[in-house]
Amino acid sequence: MKERACQAGPELNLFGILTEPDPADLRRDLPFVLILNAGLLHHVGPHRMSVDLARRLAKGGVRSLRFDLGGRGESDVSSVAGSDEDRVLLDVSAAMDYVEQRFEVRHFILFGLCAGADNAHATAVRDSRVIGAIFLDGHGYRTAASYVWHYLPRLWRVRPWLNFLRRKLGPSRKDLSEFGFHGQRKPFGPRSEVEREIQGLVDRGAHLLYFYTGGVAYYYNYAGQFHAMFRGLVPRGQVQVEYFPNADHTYIFAEDRERLLARVVDWTRSRAWNAV
């Protein structure tokens, strides 16, 4: 395995770490993996998750780049004007351009946690070079069953009822349930629009792997909720969903990270990428 620092982007403002397998282990038939920032965290990732993932992938013959978006970690902000979303899309595209020119590869898998999952989705929808994506605690919308799972254990507790009354009697707030409101993250966007975007990725031939944890139980809290959220989605075997109810949002425990990484590496190596 070999790791080296690199700079990407038209202004060489993006800093990253390339991780490559030993030549004898390299699987040239597998896509190149881009590991995106988890929120504002730098390219090491929460609890060194990005480092561990890159090295596990390399042992499986997969090349990867973990890098910082402009203005995060060790990357400078680009001088190109635009919204935050536009800048993110340009940065991820620039990272793919760099890898494509250096390694003569055309196909990519994006890996993102939390806001990184949002960025992976937005990029995948717009860039056909993305033929696979791994989303950790990505898009989520409450369903009838999720409300039952959320409120049933609280029926006999006093505090939840007091909080409910405070919300009802306090200042009114706009209902964001249709938009999948997610704490400190921006709303996900209308469910029907996101479903159309996911279906578009599937129709394009992309493979998608979703993980949800107990850390986002306020919007995703039972196995099978994904397909209840997107009832019109025709996954065609290209959408896989894993639910880890006992795992923290950032996979703070080593055993949870091990389970996650093993699944990601197995999924990456087992897909029929040549058919994409």
Protein backbone atom coordinates (compact mmCIF):
# COMPACT_ATOMS: atom_id res chain seq x y z
CA MET A 1 0.00 0.00 0.00
CA LYS A 2 1.21 3.50 -0.81
CA GLU A 3 -0.08 6.84 0.51
CA ARG A 4 0.90 10.22 -0.85
CA ALA A 5 -0.27 13.80 -0.50
CA CYS A 6 -1.62 15.62 -3.56
CA GLN A 7 -3.14 18.91 -4.65
CA ALA A 8 -6.07 19.17 -7.04
CA GLY A 9 -8.24 21.80 -8.66
CA PRO A 10 -7.50 24.50 -11.25
CA GLU A 11 -5.94 26.61 -8.47
CA LEU A 12 -4.33 23.59 -6.72
CA ASN A 13 -6.27 24.62 -3.65
CA LEU A 14 -7.61 21.18 -2.76
CA PHE A 15 -5.48 19.00 -0.50
CA GLY A 16 -5.89 15.25 -0.34
CA ILE A 17 -4.29 11.89 0.35
CA LEU A 18 -4.14 9.23 -2.36
CA THR A 19 -4.14 5.65 -1.10
CA GLU A 20 -3.12 2.98 -3.60
CA PRO A 21 -2.86 -0.80 -3.27
CA ASP A 22 0.31 -2.71 -3.97
CA PRO A 23 0.55 -3.21 -7.76
CA ALA A 24 -0.04 -6.95 -7.41
CA ASP A 25 -3.31 -6.31 -5.53
CA LEU A 26 -4.70 -3.53 -7.74
CA ARG A 27 -8.19 -4.18 -9.16
CA ARG A 28 -8.39 -2.00 -12.25
CA ASP A 29 -11.96 -3.16 -12.88
CA LEU A 30 -13.18 -1.39 -9.73
CA PRO A 31 -14.13 2.30 -9.59
CA PHE A 32 -11.98 4.90 -7.83
CA VAL A 33 -13.42 5.91 -4.43
CA LEU A 34 -13.63 9.56 -3.35
CA ILE A 35 -14.07 10.03 0.39
CA LEU A 36 -15.78 13.34 1.17
CA ASN A 37 -15.62 15.49 4.30
CA ALA A 38 -18.07 14.63 7.07
CA GLY A 39 -19.44 18.11 7.72
CA LEU A 40 -16.60 20.42 8.76
CA LEU A 41 -14.23 17.61 9.76
CA HIS A 42 -11.03 17.31 7.74
CA HIS A 43 -9.93 14.40 5.56
CA VAL A 44 -9.05 12.13 8.50
CA GLY A 45 -12.75 11.73 9.26
CA PRO A 46 -14.53 11.10 12.57
CA HIS A 47 -12.49 8.74 14.73
CA ARG A 48 -10.10 8.32 11.76
CA MET A 49 -12.86 6.61 9.80
CA SER A 50 -11.70 8.01 6.44
CA VAL A 51 -8.12 6.86 7.04
CA ASP A 52 -9.22 3.37 8.04
CA LEU A 53 -11.58 3.13 5.09
CA ALA A 54 -8.94 4.17 2.56
CA ARG A 55 -6.48 1.63 3.91
CA ARG A 56 -9.06 -1.16 4.02
CA LEU A 57 -10.01 -0.41 0.44
CA ALA A 58 -6.37 -0.53 -0.61
CA LYS A 59 -5.99 -3.97 0.92
CA GLY A 60 -8.92 -5.00 -1.24
CA GLY A 61 -7.30 -3.62 -4.38
CA VAL A 62 -9.28 -0.36 -4.52
CA ARG A 63 -7.72 3.07 -5.04
CA SER A 64 -9.10 6.07 -3.17
CA LEU A 65 -8.68 9.78 -2.53
CA ARG A 66 -9.73 11.39 0.74
CA PHE A 67 -9.62 15.14 0.39
CA ASP A 68 -10.80 18.41 1.90
CA LEU A 69 -13.32 20.60 0.17
CA GLY A 70 -12.34 24.24 -0.25
CA GLY A 71 -12.17 26.08 3.08
CA ARG A 72 -12.08 22.89 5.16
CA GLY A 73 -9.12 21.12 6.67
CA GLU A 74 -6.01 21.88 4.64
CA SER A 75 -7.75 23.11 1.48
CA ASP A 76 -8.02 26.78 0.54
CA VAL A 77 -11.21 28.39 -0.69
CA SER A 78 -11.39 28.74 -4.46
CA SER A 79 -11.61 32.24 -5.93
CA VAL A 80 -14.53 31.11 -8.14
CA ALA A 81 -17.75 32.86 -7.16
CA GLY A 82 -20.89 30.91 -6.40
CA SER A 83 -23.09 29.47 -3.68
CA ASP A 84 -21.78 27.00 -1.11
CA GLU A 85 -23.47 24.15 -3.01
CA ASP A 86 -21.96 25.30 -6.30
CA ARG A 87 -18.50 25.41 -4.72
CA VAL A 88 -18.89 21.90 -3.32
CA LEU A 89 -19.93 20.52 -6.69
CA LEU A 90 -17.01 22.26 -8.40
CA ASP A 91 -14.55 20.93 -5.81
CA VAL A 92 -15.74 17.32 -6.10
CA SER A 93 -15.72 17.60 -9.88
CA ALA A 94 -12.17 19.01 -9.74
CA ALA A 95 -11.06 16.07 -7.59
CA MET A 96 -12.52 13.65 -10.15
CA ASP A 97 -10.81 15.57 -12.97
CA TYR A 98 -7.47 15.24 -11.17
CA VAL A 99 -7.87 11.49 -10.63
CA GLU A 100 -9.10 10.97 -14.19
CA GLN A 101 -6.07 12.73 -15.65
CA ARG A 102 -3.56 11.07 -13.36
CA PHE A 103 -4.85 7.50 -13.42
CA GLU A 104 -6.89 7.42 -16.63
CA VAL A 105 -10.01 6.29 -14.79
CA ARG A 106 -13.52 7.39 -15.63
CA HIS A 107 -15.75 5.83 -12.99
CA PHE A 108 -16.11 6.84 -9.34
CA ILE A 109 -17.79 5.86 -6.09
CA LEU A 110 -18.54 8.66 -3.61
CA PHE A 111 -18.52 8.05 0.15
CA GLY A 112 -20.09 10.58 2.50
CA LEU A 113 -21.33 10.87 6.08
CA CYS A 114 -24.03 13.36 7.14
CA ALA A 115 -23.45 16.53 5.08
CA GLY A 116 -20.96 14.47 3.10
CA ALA A 117 -23.85 12.19 2.12
CA ASP A 118 -25.83 15.23 0.98
CA ASN A 119 -22.88 16.37 -1.13
CA ALA A 120 -22.38 12.88 -2.54
CA HIS A 121 -26.04 12.75 -3.61
CA ALA A 122 -25.96 16.20 -5.22
CA THR A 123 -22.77 15.36 -7.12
CA ALA A 124 -23.96 11.93 -8.24
CA VAL A 125 -27.16 13.42 -9.67
CA ARG A 126 -25.17 15.90 -11.77
CA ASP A 127 -22.06 13.95 -12.82
CA SER A 128 -22.38 10.74 -14.84
CA ARG A 129 -18.87 9.68 -13.86
CA VAL A 130 -20.34 8.70 -10.48
CA ILE A 131 -21.52 5.11 -10.89
CA GLY A 132 -21.76 4.29 -7.19
CA ALA A 133 -22.36 6.09 -3.90
CA ILE A 134 -22.30 5.23 -0.21
CA PHE A 135 -24.45 7.42 2.02
CA LEU A 136 -24.13 7.39 5.83
CA ASP A 137 -27.22 8.88 7.51
CA GLY A 138 -28.32 10.53 4.29
CA HIS A 139 -31.80 11.51 3.13
CA GLY A 140 -34.57 10.64 5.54
CA TYR A 141 -38.28 11.36 5.91
CA ARG A 142 -40.65 10.30 8.62
CA THR A 143 -43.31 7.74 7.86
CA ALA A 144 -46.43 6.67 9.76
CA ALA A 145 -44.51 3.73 11.23
CA SER A 146 -41.58 5.92 12.25
CA TYR A 147 -43.95 8.10 14.31
CA VAL A 148 -45.24 4.97 16.04
CA TRP A 149 -41.70 3.75 16.78
CA HIS A 150 -40.79 7.20 18.07
CA TYR A 151 -43.79 7.95 20.29
CA LEU A 152 -44.98 4.56 21.53
CA PRO A 153 -42.17 4.11 24.12
CA ARG A 154 -42.85 7.68 25.33
CA LEU A 155 -46.57 7.34 26.01
CA TRP A 156 -46.12 6.64 29.72
CA ARG A 157 -43.38 9.22 30.34
CA VAL A 158 -44.28 12.70 31.64
CA ARG A 159 -41.49 14.79 30.07
CA PRO A 160 -42.37 14.05 26.41
CA TRP A 161 -45.97 15.15 27.08
CA LEU A 162 -44.76 18.39 28.68
CA ASN A 163 -42.49 19.05 25.72
CA PHE A 164 -45.39 18.35 23.35
CA LEU A 165 -47.60 20.86 25.14
CA ARG A 166 -44.85 23.50 25.09
CA ARG A 167 -44.49 23.07 21.34
CA LYS A 168 -48.25 23.28 20.76
CA LEU A 169 -48.77 26.27 23.05
CA GLY A 170 -45.60 28.08 22.03
CA PRO A 171 -44.89 30.14 18.89
CA SER A 172 -45.88 28.32 15.70
CA ARG A 173 -43.14 26.91 13.50
CA LYS A 174 -43.31 25.89 9.86
CA ASP A 175 -43.80 22.16 9.37
CA LEU A 176 -40.68 20.81 7.66
CA SER A 177 -41.61 17.11 7.78
CA GLU A 178 -42.05 16.90 4.02
CA PHE A 179 -38.57 18.34 3.63
CA GLY A 180 -36.89 15.89 5.99
CA PHE A 181 -35.59 18.49 8.45
CA HIS A 182 -32.33 17.21 9.92
CA GLY A 183 -31.12 19.16 12.96
CA GLN A 184 -28.19 21.39 12.01
CA ARG A 185 -28.31 20.32 8.37
CA LYS A 186 -30.46 22.11 5.83
CA PRO A 187 -33.77 20.49 4.87
CA PHE A 188 -33.32 17.61 2.46
CA GLY A 189 -35.78 18.91 -0.12
CA PRO A 190 -39.20 17.56 -1.11
CA ARG A 191 -39.43 13.80 -0.82
CA SER A 192 -40.88 13.37 -4.32
CA GLU A 193 -37.98 15.29 -5.87
CA VAL A 194 -35.36 13.24 -4.03
CA GLU A 195 -37.12 10.04 -5.03
CA ARG A 196 -36.99 11.11 -8.67
CA GLU A 197 -33.28 11.85 -8.33
CA ILE A 198 -32.58 8.44 -6.77
CA GLN A 199 -34.60 6.75 -9.50
CA GLY A 200 -32.62 8.67 -12.08
CA LEU A 201 -29.39 7.32 -10.60
CA VAL A 202 -30.77 3.77 -10.66
CA ASP A 203 -31.96 4.18 -14.23
CA ARG A 204 -28.48 5.40 -15.15
CA GLY A 205 -27.08 2.15 -13.80
CA ALA A 206 -25.57 3.46 -10.55
CA HIS A 207 -25.31 1.27 -7.45
CA LEU A 208 -26.26 2.89 -4.13
CA LEU A 209 -25.56 1.80 -0.55
CA TYR A 210 -27.33 3.50 2.36
CA PHE A 211 -26.50 3.22 6.06
CA TYR A 212 -28.68 4.56 8.85
CA THR A 213 -27.84 4.60 12.56
CA GLY A 214 -29.54 5.12 15.88
CA GLY A 215 -27.90 8.55 15.90
CA VAL A 216 -30.64 9.83 13.58
CA ALA A 217 -33.56 8.05 15.24
CA TYR A 218 -35.54 11.31 15.20
CA TYR A 219 -36.08 10.80 11.46
CA TYR A 220 -35.08 7.17 10.71
CA ASN A 221 -35.80 4.55 13.34
CA TYR A 222 -36.75 1.14 11.95
CA ALA A 223 -35.56 -1.42 9.43
CA GLY A 224 -37.40 -1.08 6.15
CA GLN A 225 -38.11 2.63 6.52
CA PHE A 226 -36.13 3.51 3.39
CA HIS A 227 -38.51 1.72 1.03
CA ALA A 228 -41.48 3.06 2.99
CA MET A 229 -40.15 6.59 2.42
CA PHE A 230 -39.68 6.02 -1.30
CA ARG A 231 -42.60 3.76 -2.20
CA GLY A 232 -42.43 4.64 -5.87
CA LEU A 233 -38.76 3.73 -6.21
CA VAL A 234 -37.92 0.78 -8.45
CA PRO A 235 -34.49 -0.23 -7.09
CA ARG A 236 -33.74 -3.01 -9.60
CA GLY A 237 -31.33 -4.61 -7.14
CA GLN A 238 -29.03 -1.60 -7.27
CA VAL A 239 -30.08 -0.08 -3.93
CA GLN A 240 -28.87 -1.69 -0.70
CA VAL A 241 -29.85 -0.41 2.76
CA GLU A 242 -28.27 -1.22 6.13
CA TYR A 243 -29.73 -0.19 9.49
CA PHE A 244 -27.48 -0.11 12.56
CA PRO A 245 -29.84 0.98 15.38
CA ASN A 246 -27.20 0.65 18.09
CA ALA A 247 -24.50 2.62 16.27
CA ASP A 248 -23.72 6.27 16.94
CA HIS A 249 -24.00 8.82 14.10
CA THR A 250 -20.19 9.09 13.86
CA TYR A 251 -19.52 5.41 14.68
CA ILE A 252 -17.74 6.23 17.90
CA PHE A 253 -17.27 2.56 18.87
CA ALA A 254 -14.60 0.53 17.09
CA GLU A 255 -16.85 -2.50 16.61
CA ASP A 256 -19.45 -0.39 14.81
CA ARG A 257 -16.79 1.12 12.54
CA GLU A 258 -15.42 -2.35 11.81
CA ARG A 259 -18.85 -3.59 10.81
CA LEU A 260 -19.36 -0.55 8.59
CA LEU A 261 -15.97 -0.75 6.87
CA ALA A 262 -16.25 -4.48 6.25
CA ARG A 263 -19.62 -4.00 4.59
CA VAL A 264 -18.39 -1.08 2.46
CA VAL A 265 -15.34 -2.98 1.20
CA ASP A 266 -17.37 -6.12 0.48
CA TRP A 267 -20.02 -4.10 -1.39
CA THR A 268 -17.39 -2.22 -3.42
CA ARG A 269 -15.64 -5.42 -4.47
CA SER A 270 -18.79 -7.43 -5.20
CA ARG A 271 -20.81 -5.13 -7.50
CA ALA A 272 -20.93 -5.83 -11.25
CA TRP A 273 -19.24 -2.54 -12.15
CA ASN A 274 -18.32 -3.67 -15.65
CA ALA A 275 -22.03 -3.81 -16.43
CA VAL A 276 -22.50 -0.11 -15.59
